[in-house]
Amino acid sequence: MVKIQFPDHLLEPIKNFLHLKERELEKRKESLAKQDPFTDESRLLNNASPDADANEQFGHATTEALKKEVERKLIQVRKAMAKIKIGKYGVCDHCGHMIDTDRLMVMPEATLCANCEKKKE
C-alpha cells in the first residue's frame, strides 16, 4: 500500500492555523469559566430570591454546555495536530483515502472524508 502524505510546505500553514485556533479555544474556555455564575463566591453569601437562583442555574448550565463544545473542538484540533506530527494528516480515519482538500480548507480538523462522514450520519 502506498503511503499518502501532504508535502511539508503545505502542512506548515495548516499547523500554524491549528496552533492559532488552539490558543483561541483555550482563551474561550477560560472566558467561559469566568462567566459561570457558580464561580462567583459572593453568591454564597447572598440569600437571593428563588428566581435569582434559577437564573444562576440556567447560566451555569449554559456555560457548561458551551465549555463542553469548546473542549470537543480543542480535542479535534489537537488530534489534527498529532496527525500532522505522525504524517497521517488529511487521511480518512475510516477508509484510508485522502480527505478532499476543499473539505480540509473549511474544516482543517476533519478526520473523515465526505463519503465516510455521510455514512456516519
PDB file of N, CA and C in Angstrom:
ATOM      1  N   MET A   1       0.833  -1.189   0.000  1.00  0.00           N
ATOM      2  CA  MET A   1       0.000   0.000   0.000  1.00  0.00           C
ATOM      3  C   MET A   1       0.878   1.253   0.000  1.00  0.00           C
ATOM      4  N   VAL A   2       0.541   2.213  -0.828  1.00  0.00           N
ATOM      5  CA  VAL A   2       1.293   3.457  -0.953  1.00  0.00           C
ATOM      6  C   VAL A   2       0.906   4.400   0.187  1.00  0.00           C
ATOM      7  N   LYS A   3       1.930   4.954   0.820  1.00  0.00           N
ATOM      8  CA  LYS A   3       1.673   5.909   1.898  1.00  0.00           C
ATOM      9  C   LYS A   3       1.291   7.252   1.297  1.00  0.00           C
ATOM     10  N   ILE A   4       0.149   7.780   1.736  1.00  0.00           N
ATOM     11  CA  ILE A   4      -0.353   9.063   1.253  1.00  0.00           C
ATOM     12  C   ILE A   4       0.005  10.116   2.293  1.00  0.00           C
ATOM     13  N   GLN A   5       0.613  11.217   1.834  1.00  0.00           N
ATOM     14  CA  GLN A   5       1.007  12.254   2.786  1.00  0.00           C
ATOM     15  C   GLN A   5       1.090  13.603   2.083  1.00  0.00           C
ATOM     16  N   PHE A   6       0.668  14.656   2.786  1.00  0.00           N
ATOM     17  CA  PHE A   6       0.799  16.013   2.267  1.00  0.00           C
ATOM     18  C   PHE A   6       2.262  16.434   2.350  1.00  0.00           C
ATOM     19  N   PRO A   7       2.724  17.227   1.385  1.00  0.00           N
ATOM     20  CA  PRO A   7       4.099  17.756   1.463  1.00  0.00           C
ATOM     21  C   PRO A   7       4.227  18.725   2.645  1.00  0.00           C
ATOM     22  N   ASP A   8       5.408  18.767   3.246  1.00  0.00           N
ATOM     23  CA  ASP A   8       5.654  19.613   4.421  1.00  0.00           C
ATOM     24  C   ASP A   8       5.347  21.081   4.168  1.00  0.00           C
ATOM     25  N   HIS A   9       5.657  21.580   2.972  1.00  0.00           N
ATOM     26  CA  HIS A   9       5.429  23.009   2.700  1.00  0.00           C
ATOM     27  C   HIS A   9       3.934  23.363   2.691  1.00  0.00           C
ATOM     28  N   LEU A  10       3.080  22.372   2.475  1.00  0.00           N
ATOM     29  CA  LEU A  10       1.635  22.622   2.557  1.00  0.00           C
ATOM     30  C   LEU A  10       1.119  22.474   3.985  1.00  0.00           C
ATOM     31  N   LEU A  11       1.806  21.681   4.774  1.00  0.00           N
ATOM     32  CA  LEU A  11       1.363  21.448   6.150  1.00  0.00           C
ATOM     33  C   LEU A  11       1.710  22.594   7.093  1.00  0.00           C
ATOM     34  N   GLU A  12       2.755  23.320   6.804  1.00  0.00           N
ATOM     35  CA  GLU A  12       3.196  24.389   7.707  1.00  0.00           C
ATOM     36  C   GLU A  12       2.113  25.437   7.959  1.00  0.00           C
ATOM     37  N   PRO A  13       1.436  25.983   6.925  1.00  0.00           N
ATOM     38  CA  PRO A  13       0.376  26.955   7.203  1.00  0.00           C
ATOM     39  C   PRO A  13      -0.804  26.328   7.968  1.00  0.00           C
ATOM     40  N   ILE A  14      -1.074  25.071   7.705  1.00  0.00           N
ATOM     41  CA  ILE A  14      -2.160  24.385   8.422  1.00  0.00           C
ATOM     42  C   ILE A  14      -1.789  24.242   9.892  1.00  0.00           C
ATOM     43  N   LYS A  15      -0.536  23.856  10.141  1.00  0.00           N
ATOM     44  CA  LYS A  15      -0.056  23.737  11.517  1.00  0.00           C
ATOM     45  C   LYS A  15      -0.185  25.065  12.251  1.00  0.00           C
ATOM     46  N   ASN A  16       0.246  26.144  11.596  1.00  0.00           N
ATOM     47  CA  ASN A  16       0.163  27.478  12.209  1.00  0.00           C
ATOM     48  C   ASN A  16      -1.282  27.847  12.503  1.00  0.00           C
ATOM     49  N   PHE A  17      -2.177  27.563  11.555  1.00  0.00           N
ATOM     50  CA  PHE A  17      -3.598  27.859  11.750  1.00  0.00           C
ATOM     51  C   PHE A  17      -4.156  27.065  12.926  1.00  0.00           C
ATOM     52  N   LEU A  18      -3.818  25.789  13.002  1.00  0.00           N
ATOM     53  CA  LEU A  18      -4.326  24.950  14.092  1.00  0.00           C
ATOM     54  C   LEU A  18      -3.798  25.407  15.449  1.00  0.00           C
ATOM     55  N   HIS A  19      -2.530  25.842  15.497  1.00  0.00           N
ATOM     56  CA  HIS A  19      -1.990  26.376  16.757  1.00  0.00           C
ATOM     57  C   HIS A  19      -2.733  27.644  17.171  1.00  0.00           C
ATOM     58  N   LEU A  20      -3.018  28.499  16.210  1.00  0.00           N
ATOM     59  CA  LEU A  20      -3.774  29.712  16.488  1.00  0.00           C
ATOM     60  C   LEU A  20      -5.178  29.374  16.982  1.00  0.00           C
ATOM     61  N   LYS A  21      -5.813  28.431  16.319  1.00  0.00           N
ATOM     62  CA  LYS A  21      -7.160  28.006  16.713  1.00  0.00           C
ATOM     63  C   LYS A  21      -7.148  27.399  18.117  1.00  0.00           C
ATOM     64  N   GLU A  22      -6.115  26.641  18.427  1.00  0.00           N
ATOM     65  CA  GLU A  22      -5.994  26.048  19.761  1.00  0.00           C
ATOM     66  C   GLU A  22      -5.909  27.137  20.828  1.00  0.00           C
ATOM     67  N   ARG A  23      -5.078  28.153  20.580  1.00  0.00           N
ATOM     68  CA  ARG A  23      -4.949  29.262  21.540  1.00  0.00           C
ATOM     69  C   ARG A  23      -6.274  29.998  21.715  1.00  0.00           C
ATOM     70  N   GLU A  24      -6.991  30.235  20.605  1.00  0.00           N
ATOM     71  CA  GLU A  24      -8.287  30.918  20.681  1.00  0.00           C
ATOM     72  C   GLU A  24      -9.291  30.102  21.489  1.00  0.00           C
ATOM     73  N   LEU A  25      -9.313  28.808  21.280  1.00  0.00           N
ATOM     74  CA  LEU A  25     -10.234  27.944  22.022  1.00  0.00           C
ATOM     75  C   LEU A  25      -9.884  27.903  23.504  1.00  0.00           C
ATOM     76  N   GLU A  26      -8.593  27.883  23.826  1.00  0.00           N
ATOM     77  CA  GLU A  26      -8.173  27.910  25.232  1.00  0.00           C
ATOM     78  C   GLU A  26      -8.626  29.208  25.909  1.00  0.00           C
ATOM     79  N   LYS A  27      -8.464  30.331  25.210  1.00  0.00           N
ATOM     80  CA  LYS A  27      -8.914  31.618  25.754  1.00  0.00           C
ATOM     81  C   LYS A  27     -10.424  31.616  25.939  1.00  0.00           C
ATOM     82  N   ARG A  28     -11.147  31.061  24.978  1.00  0.00           N
ATOM     83  CA  ARG A  28     -12.616  30.994  25.061  1.00  0.00           C
ATOM     84  C   ARG A  28     -13.039  30.143  26.256  1.00  0.00           C
ATOM     85  N   LYS A  29     -12.324  29.050  26.478  1.00  0.00           N
ATOM     86  CA  LYS A  29     -12.632  28.171  27.610  1.00  0.00           C
ATOM     87  C   LYS A  29     -12.423  28.899  28.940  1.00  0.00           C
ATOM     88  N   GLU A  30     -11.320  29.652  29.039  1.00  0.00           N
ATOM     89  CA  GLU A  30     -11.044  30.436  30.248  1.00  0.00           C
ATOM     90  C   GLU A  30     -12.109  31.505  30.462  1.00  0.00           C
ATOM     91  N   SER A  31     -12.495  32.161  29.381  1.00  0.00           N
ATOM     92  CA  SER A  31     -13.523  33.203  29.457  1.00  0.00           C
ATOM     93  C   SER A  31     -14.850  32.625  29.932  1.00  0.00           C
ATOM     94  N   LEU A  32     -15.210  31.472  29.405  1.00  0.00           N
ATOM     95  CA  LEU A  32     -16.463  30.831  29.820  1.00  0.00           C
ATOM     96  C   LEU A  32     -16.419  30.434  31.292  1.00  0.00           C
ATOM     97  N   ALA A  33     -15.276  29.968  31.751  1.00  0.00           N
ATOM     98  CA  ALA A  33     -15.144  29.588  33.161  1.00  0.00           C
ATOM     99  C   ALA A  33     -15.382  30.796  34.067  1.00  0.00           C
ATOM    100  N   LYS A  34     -14.902  31.966  33.640  1.00  0.00           N
ATOM    101  CA  LYS A  34     -15.102  33.180  34.434  1.00  0.00           C
ATOM    102  C   LYS A  34     -16.552  33.650  34.399  1.00  0.00           C
ATOM    103  N   GLN A  35     -17.269  33.344  33.321  1.00  0.00           N
ATOM    104  CA  GLN A  35     -18.661  33.773  33.177  1.00  0.00           C
ATOM    105  C   GLN A  35     -19.637  32.895  33.959  1.00  0.00           C
ATOM    106  N   ASP A  36     -19.191  31.725  34.375  1.00  0.00           N
ATOM    107  CA  ASP A  36     -20.069  30.796  35.086  1.00  0.00           C
ATOM    108  C   ASP A  36     -20.493  31.416  36.416  1.00  0.00           C
ATOM    109  N   PRO A  37     -21.802  31.567  36.622  1.00  0.00           N
ATOM    110  CA  PRO A  37     -22.270  32.175  37.884  1.00  0.00           C
ATOM    111  C   PRO A  37     -21.869  31.368  39.120  1.00  0.00           C
ATOM    112  N   PHE A  38     -21.608  30.095  38.966  1.00  0.00           N
ATOM    113  CA  PHE A  38     -21.223  29.262  40.107  1.00  0.00           C
ATOM    114  C   PHE A  38     -19.811  29.568  40.595  1.00  0.00           C
ATOM    115  N   THR A  39     -19.014  30.279  39.803  1.00  0.00           N
ATOM    116  CA  THR A  39     -17.661  30.633  40.234  1.00  0.00           C
ATOM    117  C   THR A  39     -17.629  31.936  41.023  1.00  0.00           C
ATOM    118  N   ASP A  40     -18.745  32.637  41.097  1.00  0.00           N
ATOM    119  CA  ASP A  40     -18.838  33.892  41.844  1.00  0.00           C
ATOM    120  C   ASP A  40     -19.025  33.562  43.326  1.00  0.00           C
ATOM    121  N   GLU A  41     -17.970  33.771  44.123  1.00  0.00           N
ATOM    122  CA  GLU A  41     -18.017  33.424  45.544  1.00  0.00           C
ATOM    123  C   GLU A  41     -19.015  34.276  46.327  1.00  0.00           C
ATOM    124  N   SER A  42     -19.313  35.456  45.872  1.00  0.00           N
ATOM    125  CA  SER A  42     -20.246  36.331  46.592  1.00  0.00           C
ATOM    126  C   SER A  42     -21.664  35.769  46.572  1.00  0.00           C
ATOM    127  N   ARG A  43     -21.952  34.884  45.626  1.00  0.00           N
ATOM    128  CA  ARG A  43     -23.304  34.322  45.554  1.00  0.00           C
ATOM    129  C   ARG A  43     -23.603  33.431  46.746  1.00  0.00           C
ATOM    130  N   LEU A  44     -22.567  32.884  47.389  1.00  0.00           N
ATOM    131  CA  LEU A  44     -22.775  32.012  48.544  1.00  0.00           C
ATOM    132  C   LEU A  44     -23.270  32.799  49.757  1.00  0.00           C
ATOM    133  N   LEU A  45     -22.900  34.061  49.825  1.00  0.00           N
ATOM    134  CA  LEU A  45     -23.301  34.910  50.949  1.00  0.00           C
ATOM    135  C   LEU A  45     -24.631  35.597  50.695  1.00  0.00           C
ATOM    136  N   ASN A  46     -25.097  35.547  49.485  1.00  0.00           N
ATOM    137  CA  ASN A  46     -26.302  36.253  49.086  1.00  0.00           C
ATOM    138  C   ASN A  46     -27.512  35.329  49.232  1.00  0.00           C
ATOM    139  N   ASN A  47     -28.459  35.734  50.041  1.00  0.00           N
ATOM    140  CA  ASN A  47     -29.706  34.976  50.160  1.00  0.00           C
ATOM    141  C   ASN A  47     -30.672  35.489  49.103  1.00  0.00           C
ATOM    142  N   ALA A  48     -30.414  35.066  47.890  1.00  0.00           N
ATOM    143  CA  ALA A  48     -31.171  35.578  46.751  1.00  0.00           C
ATOM    144  C   ALA A  48     -32.547  34.937  46.681  1.00  0.00           C
ATOM    145  N   SER A  49     -33.383  35.590  45.938  1.00  0.00           N
ATOM    146  CA  SER A  49     -34.727  35.064  45.719  1.00  0.00           C
ATOM    147  C   SER A  49     -34.641  33.823  44.829  1.00  0.00           C
ATOM    148  N   PRO A  50     -35.698  32.998  44.830  1.00  0.00           N
ATOM    149  CA  PRO A  50     -35.690  31.782  44.013  1.00  0.00           C
ATOM    150  C   PRO A  50     -35.462  32.034  42.525  1.00  0.00           C
ATOM    151  N   ASP A  51     -35.961  33.175  42.016  1.00  0.00           N
ATOM    152  CA  ASP A  51     -35.756  33.435  40.585  1.00  0.00           C
ATOM    153  C   ASP A  51     -34.289  33.748  40.279  1.00  0.00           C
ATOM    154  N   ALA A  52     -33.579  34.361  41.248  1.00  0.00           N
ATOM    155  CA  ALA A  52     -32.155  34.607  41.043  1.00  0.00           C
ATOM    156  C   ALA A  52     -31.395  33.283  41.034  1.00  0.00           C
ATOM    157  N   ASP A  53     -31.811  32.367  41.907  1.00  0.00           N
ATOM    158  CA  ASP A  53     -31.187  31.044  41.938  1.00  0.00           C
ATOM    159  C   ASP A  53     -31.432  30.300  40.621  1.00  0.00           C
ATOM    160  N   ALA A  54     -32.630  30.425  40.092  1.00  0.00           N
ATOM    161  CA  ALA A  54     -32.957  29.786  38.811  1.00  0.00           C
ATOM    162  C   ALA A  54     -32.108  30.377  37.686  1.00  0.00           C
ATOM    163  N   ASN A  55     -31.895  31.701  37.725  1.00  0.00           N
ATOM    164  CA  ASN A  55     -31.037  32.345  36.722  1.00  0.00           C
ATOM    165  C   ASN A  55     -29.596  31.836  36.814  1.00  0.00           C
ATOM    166  N   GLU A  56     -29.127  31.648  38.058  1.00  0.00           N
ATOM    167  CA  GLU A  56     -27.779  31.112  38.234  1.00  0.00           C
ATOM    168  C   GLU A  56     -27.690  29.688  37.688  1.00  0.00           C
ATOM    169  N   GLN A  57     -28.709  28.884  37.963  1.00  0.00           N
ATOM    170  CA  GLN A  57     -28.729  27.501  37.464  1.00  0.00           C
ATOM    171  C   GLN A  57     -28.703  27.487  35.934  1.00  0.00           C
ATOM    172  N   PHE A  58     -29.516  28.338  35.337  1.00  0.00           N
ATOM    173  CA  PHE A  58     -29.576  28.416  33.878  1.00  0.00           C
ATOM    174  C   PHE A  58     -28.241  28.897  33.310  1.00  0.00           C
ATOM    175  N   GLY A  59     -27.672  29.924  33.926  1.00  0.00           N
ATOM    176  CA  GLY A  59     -26.378  30.458  33.478  1.00  0.00           C
ATOM    177  C   GLY A  59     -25.276  29.413  33.578  1.00  0.00           C
ATOM    178  N   HIS A  60     -25.298  28.644  34.665  1.00  0.00           N
ATOM    179  CA  HIS A  60     -24.299  27.585  34.841  1.00  0.00           C
ATOM    180  C   HIS A  60     -24.473  26.504  33.778  1.00  0.00           C
ATOM    181  N   ALA A  61     -25.703  26.081  33.549  1.00  0.00           N
ATOM    182  CA  ALA A  61     -25.972  25.046  32.540  1.00  0.00           C
ATOM    183  C   ALA A  61     -25.540  25.507  31.147  1.00  0.00           C
ATOM    184  N   THR A  62     -25.799  26.765  30.849  1.00  0.00           N
ATOM    185  CA  THR A  62     -25.420  27.314  29.549  1.00  0.00           C
ATOM    186  C   THR A  62     -23.903  27.339  29.384  1.00  0.00           C
ATOM    187  N   THR A  63     -23.189  27.857  30.391  1.00  0.00           N
ATOM    188  CA  THR A  63     -21.730  27.928  30.277  1.00  0.00           C
ATOM    189  C   THR A  63     -21.111  26.528  30.246  1.00  0.00           C
ATOM    190  N   GLU A  64     -21.690  25.586  30.973  1.00  0.00           N
ATOM    191  CA  GLU A  64     -21.177  24.212  30.944  1.00  0.00           C
ATOM    192  C   GLU A  64     -21.336  23.601  29.552  1.00  0.00           C
ATOM    193  N   ALA A  65     -22.467  23.825  28.923  1.00  0.00           N
ATOM    194  CA  ALA A  65     -22.690  23.300  27.567  1.00  0.00           C
ATOM    195  C   ALA A  65     -21.706  23.924  26.577  1.00  0.00           C
ATOM    196  N   LEU A  66     -21.508  25.228  26.700  1.00  0.00           N
ATOM    197  CA  LEU A  66     -20.561  25.908  25.811  1.00  0.00           C
ATOM    198  C   LEU A  66     -19.128  25.424  26.049  1.00  0.00           C
ATOM    199  N   LYS A  67     -18.766  25.216  27.325  1.00  0.00           N
ATOM    200  CA  LYS A  67     -17.423  24.717  27.637  1.00  0.00           C
ATOM    201  C   LYS A  67     -17.205  23.319  27.061  1.00  0.00           C
ATOM    202  N   LYS A  68     -18.226  22.483  27.106  1.00  0.00           N
ATOM    203  CA  LYS A  68     -18.104  21.132  26.537  1.00  0.00           C
ATOM    204  C   LYS A  68     -17.895  21.198  25.025  1.00  0.00           C
ATOM    205  N   GLU A  69     -18.583  22.107  24.363  1.00  0.00           N
ATOM    206  CA  GLU A  69     -18.424  22.256  22.911  1.00  0.00           C
ATOM    207  C   GLU A  69     -17.014  22.761  22.576  1.00  0.00           C
ATOM    208  N   VAL A  70     -16.519  23.718  23.354  1.00  0.00           N
ATOM    209  CA  VAL A  70     -15.166  24.232  23.144  1.00  0.00           C
ATOM    210  C   VAL A  70     -14.150  23.112  23.385  1.00  0.00           C
ATOM    211  N   GLU A  71     -14.375  22.329  24.417  1.00  0.00           N
ATOM    212  CA  GLU A  71     -13.469  21.215  24.721  1.00  0.00           C
ATOM    213  C   GLU A  71     -13.476  20.180  23.599  1.00  0.00           C
ATOM    214  N   ARG A  72     -14.634  19.909  23.021  1.00  0.00           N
ATOM    215  CA  ARG A  72     -14.740  18.971  21.904  1.00  0.00           C
ATOM    216  C   ARG A  72     -13.938  19.480  20.705  1.00  0.00           C
ATOM    217  N   LYS A  73     -14.050  20.781  20.435  1.00  0.00           N
ATOM    218  CA  LYS A  73     -13.300  21.377  19.332  1.00  0.00           C
ATOM    219  C   LYS A  73     -11.796  21.345  19.596  1.00  0.00           C
ATOM    220  N   LEU A  74     -11.407  21.590  20.848  1.00  0.00           N
ATOM    221  CA  LEU A  74      -9.995  21.530  21.218  1.00  0.00           C
ATOM    222  C   LEU A  74      -9.429  20.132  20.965  1.00  0.00           C
ATOM    223  N   ILE A  75     -10.182  19.120  21.314  1.00  0.00           N
ATOM    224  CA  ILE A  75      -9.743  17.745  21.087  1.00  0.00           C
ATOM    225  C   ILE A  75      -9.556  17.486  19.598  1.00  0.00           C
ATOM    226  N   GLN A  76     -10.484  17.974  18.784  1.00  0.00           N
ATOM    227  CA  GLN A  76     -10.370  17.795  17.339  1.00  0.00           C
ATOM    228  C   GLN A  76      -9.118  18.489  16.787  1.00  0.00           C
ATOM    229  N   VAL A  77      -8.870  19.712  17.244  1.00  0.00           N
ATOM    230  CA  VAL A  77      -7.702  20.464  16.785  1.00  0.00           C
ATOM    231  C   VAL A  77      -6.421  19.748  17.199  1.00  0.00           C
ATOM    232  N   ARG A  78      -6.361  19.291  18.433  1.00  0.00           N
ATOM    233  CA  ARG A  78      -5.161  18.603  18.920  1.00  0.00           C
ATOM    234  C   ARG A  78      -4.949  17.277  18.204  1.00  0.00           C
ATOM    235  N   LYS A  79      -6.041  16.612  17.873  1.00  0.00           N
ATOM    236  CA  LYS A  79      -5.940  15.358  17.121  1.00  0.00           C
ATOM    237  C   LYS A  79      -5.367  15.637  15.727  1.00  0.00           C
ATOM    238  N   ALA A  80      -5.816  16.707  15.091  1.00  0.00           N
ATOM    239  CA  ALA A  80      -5.289  17.074  13.769  1.00  0.00           C
ATOM    240  C   ALA A  80      -3.805  17.411  13.861  1.00  0.00           C
ATOM    241  N   MET A  81      -3.410  18.122  14.917  1.00  0.00           N
ATOM    242  CA  MET A  81      -2.005  18.469  15.092  1.00  0.00           C
ATOM    243  C   MET A  81      -1.159  17.206  15.310  1.00  0.00           C
ATOM    244  N   ALA A  82      -1.687  16.243  16.035  1.00  0.00           N
ATOM    245  CA  ALA A  82      -0.974  14.983  16.251  1.00  0.00           C
ATOM    246  C   ALA A  82      -0.837  14.213  14.941  1.00  0.00           C
ATOM    247  N   LYS A  83      -1.899  14.256  14.125  1.00  0.00           N
ATOM    248  CA  LYS A  83      -1.849  13.566  12.832  1.00  0.00           C
ATOM    249  C   LYS A  83      -0.808  14.198  11.913  1.00  0.00           C
ATOM    250  N   ILE A  84      -0.657  15.516  11.986  1.00  0.00           N
ATOM    251  CA  ILE A  84       0.388  16.181  11.206  1.00  0.00           C
ATOM    252  C   ILE A  84       1.747  15.661  11.666  1.00  0.00           C
ATOM    253  N   LYS A  85       1.926  15.589  12.974  1.00  0.00           N
ATOM    254  CA  LYS A  85       3.205  15.171  13.546  1.00  0.00           C
ATOM    255  C   LYS A  85       3.592  13.744  13.131  1.00  0.00           C
ATOM    256  N   ILE A  86       2.598  12.853  13.061  1.00  0.00           N
ATOM    257  CA  ILE A  86       2.920  11.457  12.725  1.00  0.00           C
ATOM    258  C   ILE A  86       2.795  11.162  11.229  1.00  0.00           C
ATOM    259  N   GLY A  87       2.453  12.195  10.443  1.00  0.00           N
ATOM    260  CA  GLY A  87       2.413  12.019   8.992  1.00  0.00           C
ATOM    261  C   GLY A  87       1.125  11.425   8.455  1.00  0.00           C
ATOM    262  N   LYS A  88       0.032  11.552   9.207  1.00  0.00           N
ATOM    263  CA  LYS A  88      -1.243  10.989   8.750  1.00  0.00           C
ATOM    264  C   LYS A  88      -2.324  12.042   8.564  1.00  0.00           C
ATOM    265  N   TYR A  89      -1.920  13.296   8.490  1.00  0.00           N
ATOM    266  CA  TYR A  89      -2.902  14.366   8.321  1.00  0.00           C
ATOM    267  C   TYR A  89      -3.520  14.295   6.928  1.00  0.00           C
ATOM    268  N   GLY A  90      -4.839  14.493   6.870  1.00  0.00           N
ATOM    269  CA  GLY A  90      -5.545  14.518   5.588  1.00  0.00           C
ATOM    270  C   GLY A  90      -5.939  13.148   5.082  1.00  0.00           C
ATOM    271  N   VAL A  91      -5.728  12.123   5.911  1.00  0.00           N
ATOM    272  CA  VAL A  91      -6.098  10.766   5.546  1.00  0.00           C
ATOM    273  C   VAL A  91      -7.313  10.367   6.380  1.00  0.00           C
ATOM    274  N   CYS A  92      -8.340   9.860   5.726  1.00  0.00           N
ATOM    275  CA  CYS A  92      -9.581   9.469   6.397  1.00  0.00           C
ATOM    276  C   CYS A  92      -9.318   8.362   7.419  1.00  0.00           C
ATOM    277  N   ASP A  93      -9.815   8.559   8.635  1.00  0.00           N
ATOM    278  CA  ASP A  93      -9.660   7.560   9.694  1.00  0.00           C
ATOM    279  C   ASP A  93     -10.387   6.263   9.368  1.00  0.00           C
ATOM    280  N   HIS A  94     -11.429   6.354   8.562  1.00  0.00           N
ATOM    281  CA  HIS A  94     -12.250   5.168   8.293  1.00  0.00           C
ATOM    282  C   HIS A  94     -11.782   4.374   7.079  1.00  0.00           C
ATOM    283  N   CYS A  95     -11.647   5.033   5.942  1.00  0.00           N
ATOM    284  CA  CYS A  95     -11.349   4.312   4.699  1.00  0.00           C
ATOM    285  C   CYS A  95      -9.889   4.410   4.263  1.00  0.00           C
ATOM    286  N   GLY A  96      -9.143   5.360   4.815  1.00  0.00           N
ATOM    287  CA  GLY A  96      -7.728   5.492   4.478  1.00  0.00           C
ATOM    288  C   GLY A  96      -7.439   6.302   3.222  1.00  0.00           C
ATOM    289  N   HIS A  97      -8.464   6.837   2.565  1.00  0.00           N
ATOM    290  CA  HIS A  97      -8.259   7.671   1.381  1.00  0.00           C
ATOM    291  C   HIS A  97      -7.992   9.114   1.815  1.00  0.00           C
ATOM    292  N   MET A  98      -7.441   9.888   0.886  1.00  0.00           N
ATOM    293  CA  MET A  98      -7.181  11.299   1.172  1.00  0.00           C
ATOM    294  C   MET A  98      -8.506  12.043   1.367  1.00  0.00           C
ATOM    295  N   ILE A  99      -8.525  12.937   2.320  1.00  0.00           N
ATOM    296  CA  ILE A  99      -9.676  13.814   2.529  1.00  0.00           C
ATOM    297  C   ILE A  99      -9.535  14.944   1.521  1.00  0.00           C
ATOM    298  N   ASP A 100     -10.620  15.280   0.862  1.00  0.00           N
ATOM    299  CA  ASP A 100     -10.613  16.330  -0.153  1.00  0.00           C
ATOM    300  C   ASP A 100     -10.051  17.623   0.432  1.00  0.00           C
ATOM    301  N   THR A 101      -9.172  18.276  -0.317  1.00  0.00           N
ATOM    302  CA  THR A 101      -8.538  19.498   0.185  1.00  0.00           C
ATOM    303  C   THR A 101      -9.540  20.622   0.408  1.00  0.00           C
ATOM    304  N   ASP A 102     -10.619  20.656  -0.374  1.00  0.00           N
ATOM    305  CA  ASP A 102     -11.663  21.663  -0.142  1.00  0.00           C
ATOM    306  C   ASP A 102     -12.286  21.468   1.237  1.00  0.00           C
ATOM    307  N   ARG A 103     -12.498  20.229   1.616  1.00  0.00           N
ATOM    308  CA  ARG A 103     -13.058  19.913   2.938  1.00  0.00           C
ATOM    309  C   ARG A 103     -12.081  20.340   4.035  1.00  0.00           C
ATOM    310  N   LEU A 104     -10.798  20.077   3.826  1.00  0.00           N
ATOM    311  CA  LEU A 104      -9.797  20.448   4.824  1.00  0.00           C
ATOM    312  C   LEU A 104      -9.628  21.958   4.927  1.00  0.00           C
ATOM    313  N   MET A 105      -9.863  22.664   3.831  1.00  0.00           N
ATOM    314  CA  MET A 105      -9.786  24.130   3.873  1.00  0.00           C
ATOM    315  C   MET A 105     -10.873  24.693   4.778  1.00  0.00           C
ATOM    316  N   VAL A 106     -12.045  24.103   4.720  1.00  0.00           N
ATOM    317  CA  VAL A 106     -13.176  24.571   5.524  1.00  0.00           C
ATOM    318  C   VAL A 106     -13.046  24.076   6.958  1.00  0.00           C
ATOM    319  N   MET A 107     -12.602  22.831   7.104  1.00  0.00           N
ATOM    320  CA  MET A 107     -12.524  22.213   8.423  1.00  0.00           C
ATOM    321  C   MET A 107     -11.184  21.471   8.544  1.00  0.00           C
ATOM    322  N   PRO A 108     -10.106  22.188   8.882  1.00  0.00           N
ATOM    323  CA  PRO A 108      -8.783  21.568   8.912  1.00  0.00           C
ATOM    324  C   PRO A 108      -8.658  20.403   9.892  1.00  0.00           C
ATOM    325  N   GLU A 109      -9.577  20.337  10.841  1.00  0.00           N
ATOM    326  CA  GLU A 109      -9.510  19.263  11.825  1.00  0.00           C
ATOM    327  C   GLU A 109     -10.312  18.021  11.413  1.00  0.00           C
ATOM    328  N   ALA A 110     -10.807  17.999  10.181  1.00  0.00           N
ATOM    329  CA  ALA A 110     -11.599  16.863   9.690  1.00  0.00           C
ATOM    330  C   ALA A 110     -10.773  15.580   9.731  1.00  0.00           C
ATOM    331  N   THR A 111     -11.402  14.500  10.182  1.00  0.00           N
ATOM    332  CA  THR A 111     -10.725  13.203  10.246  1.00  0.00           C
ATOM    333  C   THR A 111     -11.375  12.174   9.326  1.00  0.00           C
ATOM    334  N   LEU A 112     -12.509  12.545   8.743  1.00  0.00           N
ATOM    335  CA  LEU A 112     -13.207  11.651   7.822  1.00  0.00           C
ATOM    336  C   LEU A 112     -13.396  12.339   6.476  1.00  0.00           C
ATOM    337  N   CYS A 113     -13.339  11.553   5.411  1.00  0.00           N
ATOM    338  CA  CYS A 113     -13.654  12.104   4.084  1.00  0.00           C
ATOM    339  C   CYS A 113     -15.166  12.342   4.024  1.00  0.00           C
ATOM    340  N   ALA A 114     -15.603  13.059   3.025  1.00  0.00           N
ATOM    341  CA  ALA A 114     -17.030  13.413   2.911  1.00  0.00           C
ATOM    342  C   ALA A 114     -17.896  12.157   2.802  1.00  0.00           C
ATOM    343  N   ASN A 115     -17.439  11.142   2.063  1.00  0.00           N
ATOM    344  CA  ASN A 115     -18.237   9.908   1.913  1.00  0.00           C
ATOM    345  C   ASN A 115     -18.409   9.189   3.246  1.00  0.00           C
ATOM    346  N   CYS A 116     -17.338   9.049   3.992  1.00  0.00           N
ATOM    347  CA  CYS A 116     -17.424   8.361   5.289  1.00  0.00           C
ATOM    348  C   CYS A 116     -18.235   9.181   6.288  1.00  0.00           C
ATOM    349  N   GLU A 117     -18.142  10.498   6.206  1.00  0.00           N
ATOM    350  CA  GLU A 117     -18.950  11.368   7.079  1.00  0.00           C
ATOM    351  C   GLU A 117     -20.424  11.174   6.796  1.00  0.00           C
ATOM    352  N   LYS A 118     -20.788  11.063   5.514  1.00  0.00           N
ATOM    353  CA  LYS A 118     -22.197  10.843   5.138  1.00  0.00           C
ATOM    354  C   LYS A 118     -22.675   9.490   5.653  1.00  0.00           C
ATOM    355  N   LYS A 119     -21.835   8.478   5.540  1.00  0.00           N
ATOM    356  CA  LYS A 119     -22.200   7.129   6.019  1.00  0.00           C
ATOM    357  C   LYS A 119     -22.392   7.132   7.533  1.00  0.00           C
ATOM    358  N   LYS A 120     -21.571   7.908   8.218  1.00  0.00           N
ATOM    359  CA  LYS A 120     -21.649   8.000   9.678  1.00  0.00           C
ATOM    360  C   LYS A 120     -22.982   8.584  10.133  1.00  0.00           C
ATOM    361  N   GLU A 121     -23.457   9.578   9.380  1.00  0.00           N
ATOM    362  CA  GLU A 121     -24.721  10.250   9.729  1.00  0.00           C
ATOM    363  C   GLU A 121     -25.847   9.359   9.334  1.00  0.00           C
TER     364      GLU A 121
END
